């Protein structure tokens, strides 16, 4: 899973982590992934208050990419800091 901060002159791709391999059956399946926080210390502060992309890359058992699920994230600032709202690709 990656989080990409992309501005006109700079792009930063942050690795978020990976899940354990899971065998899925044909038909509907579910997936859950959680991180407590995202270390954005390597990203310029001016780039953080922007639209970014959260990408889940799904691979087969041999690590060949099958598909990607890409979600746009809208970042806004409030009194507690930055808030990331993930926009569902299904809406």
Protein backbone atom coordinates (compact mmCIF):
# COMPACT_ATOMS: atom_id res chain seq x y z
CA UNK A 1 0.00 0.00 0.00
CA UNK A 2 1.35 3.45 -0.88
CA UNK A 3 0.40 7.06 -0.24
CA UNK A 4 1.46 9.52 -2.96
CA UNK A 5 1.74 13.26 -2.43
CA UNK A 6 1.93 14.79 -5.89
CA UNK A 7 2.45 18.47 -6.64
CA UNK A 8 3.58 20.24 -9.80
CA UNK A 9 7.31 20.09 -9.12
CA UNK A 10 7.55 17.23 -6.64
CA UNK A 11 6.18 13.75 -6.03
CA UNK A 12 6.70 11.73 -2.86
CA UNK A 13 5.60 8.09 -2.61
CA UNK A 14 5.39 6.74 0.94
CA UNK A 15 5.26 3.00 1.58
CA UNK A 16 2.57 2.32 4.14
CA UNK A 17 2.88 -1.43 4.52
CA UNK A 18 1.58 -4.73 3.26
CA UNK A 19 -0.80 -7.40 4.41
CA UNK A 20 -0.23 -11.09 4.80
CA UNK A 21 -0.96 -13.08 1.63
CA UNK A 22 -4.56 -14.26 1.43
CA UNK A 23 -6.20 -16.72 -0.93
CA UNK A 24 -9.53 -15.47 -2.24
CA UNK A 25 -12.42 -17.28 -3.86
CA UNK A 26 -14.28 -16.23 -6.98
CA UNK A 27 -16.99 -13.71 -6.09
CA UNK A 28 -17.21 -11.01 -3.45
CA UNK A 29 -14.32 -10.71 -0.99
CA UNK A 30 -13.40 -8.22 1.71
CA UNK A 31 -10.08 -6.77 2.80
CA UNK A 32 -9.08 -4.68 5.79
CA UNK A 33 -5.84 -2.79 6.40
CA UNK A 34 -4.98 -0.41 9.25
CA UNK A 35 -2.06 1.77 10.30
CA UNK A 36 -2.08 3.88 13.44
CA UNK A 37 -0.27 6.77 11.80
CA UNK A 38 1.47 7.82 8.62
CA UNK A 39 5.00 9.24 8.85
CA UNK A 40 4.98 12.26 6.53
CA UNK A 41 8.14 13.86 7.93
CA UNK A 42 9.88 13.48 4.55
CA UNK A 43 7.18 15.53 2.79
CA UNK A 44 7.27 19.32 2.60
CA UNK A 45 4.58 20.86 4.79
CA UNK A 46 3.29 22.92 1.87
CA UNK A 47 2.62 19.70 -0.06
CA UNK A 48 0.62 18.00 2.69
CA UNK A 49 -2.45 20.24 2.51
CA UNK A 50 -3.34 18.93 -0.94
CA UNK A 51 -5.09 16.16 -2.82
CA UNK A 52 -3.14 12.88 -2.71
CA UNK A 53 -3.59 9.27 -3.77
CA UNK A 54 -3.85 6.13 -1.66
CA UNK A 55 -3.09 3.00 -3.72
CA UNK A 56 -3.63 -0.66 -2.84
CA UNK A 57 -1.82 -2.93 -5.30
CA UNK A 58 -3.21 -6.45 -5.43
CA UNK A 59 -0.85 -9.21 -6.57
CA UNK A 60 -1.09 -12.92 -7.22
CA UNK A 61 0.86 -15.62 -5.35
CA UNK A 62 3.94 -14.94 -7.51
CA UNK A 63 3.87 -11.18 -6.74
CA UNK A 64 2.64 -10.27 -10.25
CA UNK A 65 0.32 -7.25 -10.16
CA UNK A 66 -3.31 -8.17 -10.81
CA UNK A 67 -4.92 -4.77 -10.24
CA UNK A 68 -4.72 -1.55 -8.26
CA UNK A 69 -7.37 0.17 -6.20
CA UNK A 70 -6.73 3.91 -6.26
CA UNK A 71 -8.47 6.29 -3.86
CA UNK A 72 -8.12 10.06 -4.00
CA UNK A 73 -7.61 11.64 -0.59
CA UNK A 74 -8.59 15.21 0.19
CA UNK A 75 -6.46 16.75 2.90
CA UNK A 76 -7.80 19.63 4.96
CA UNK A 77 -6.48 21.38 8.03
CA UNK A 78 -8.45 21.89 11.23
CA UNK A 79 -7.55 22.97 14.76
CA UNK A 80 -6.14 19.50 15.56
CA UNK A 81 -3.97 19.19 12.44
CA UNK A 82 -4.34 17.63 9.01
CA UNK A 83 -7.35 15.42 8.28
CA UNK A 84 -7.32 13.01 5.32
CA UNK A 85 -10.66 12.10 3.80
CA UNK A 86 -10.42 9.04 1.54
CA UNK A 87 -12.82 9.26 -1.39
CA UNK A 88 -14.18 5.85 -2.39
CA UNK A 89 -13.56 4.87 -6.02
CA UNK A 90 -17.03 3.28 -5.97
CA UNK A 91 -18.91 6.52 -5.26
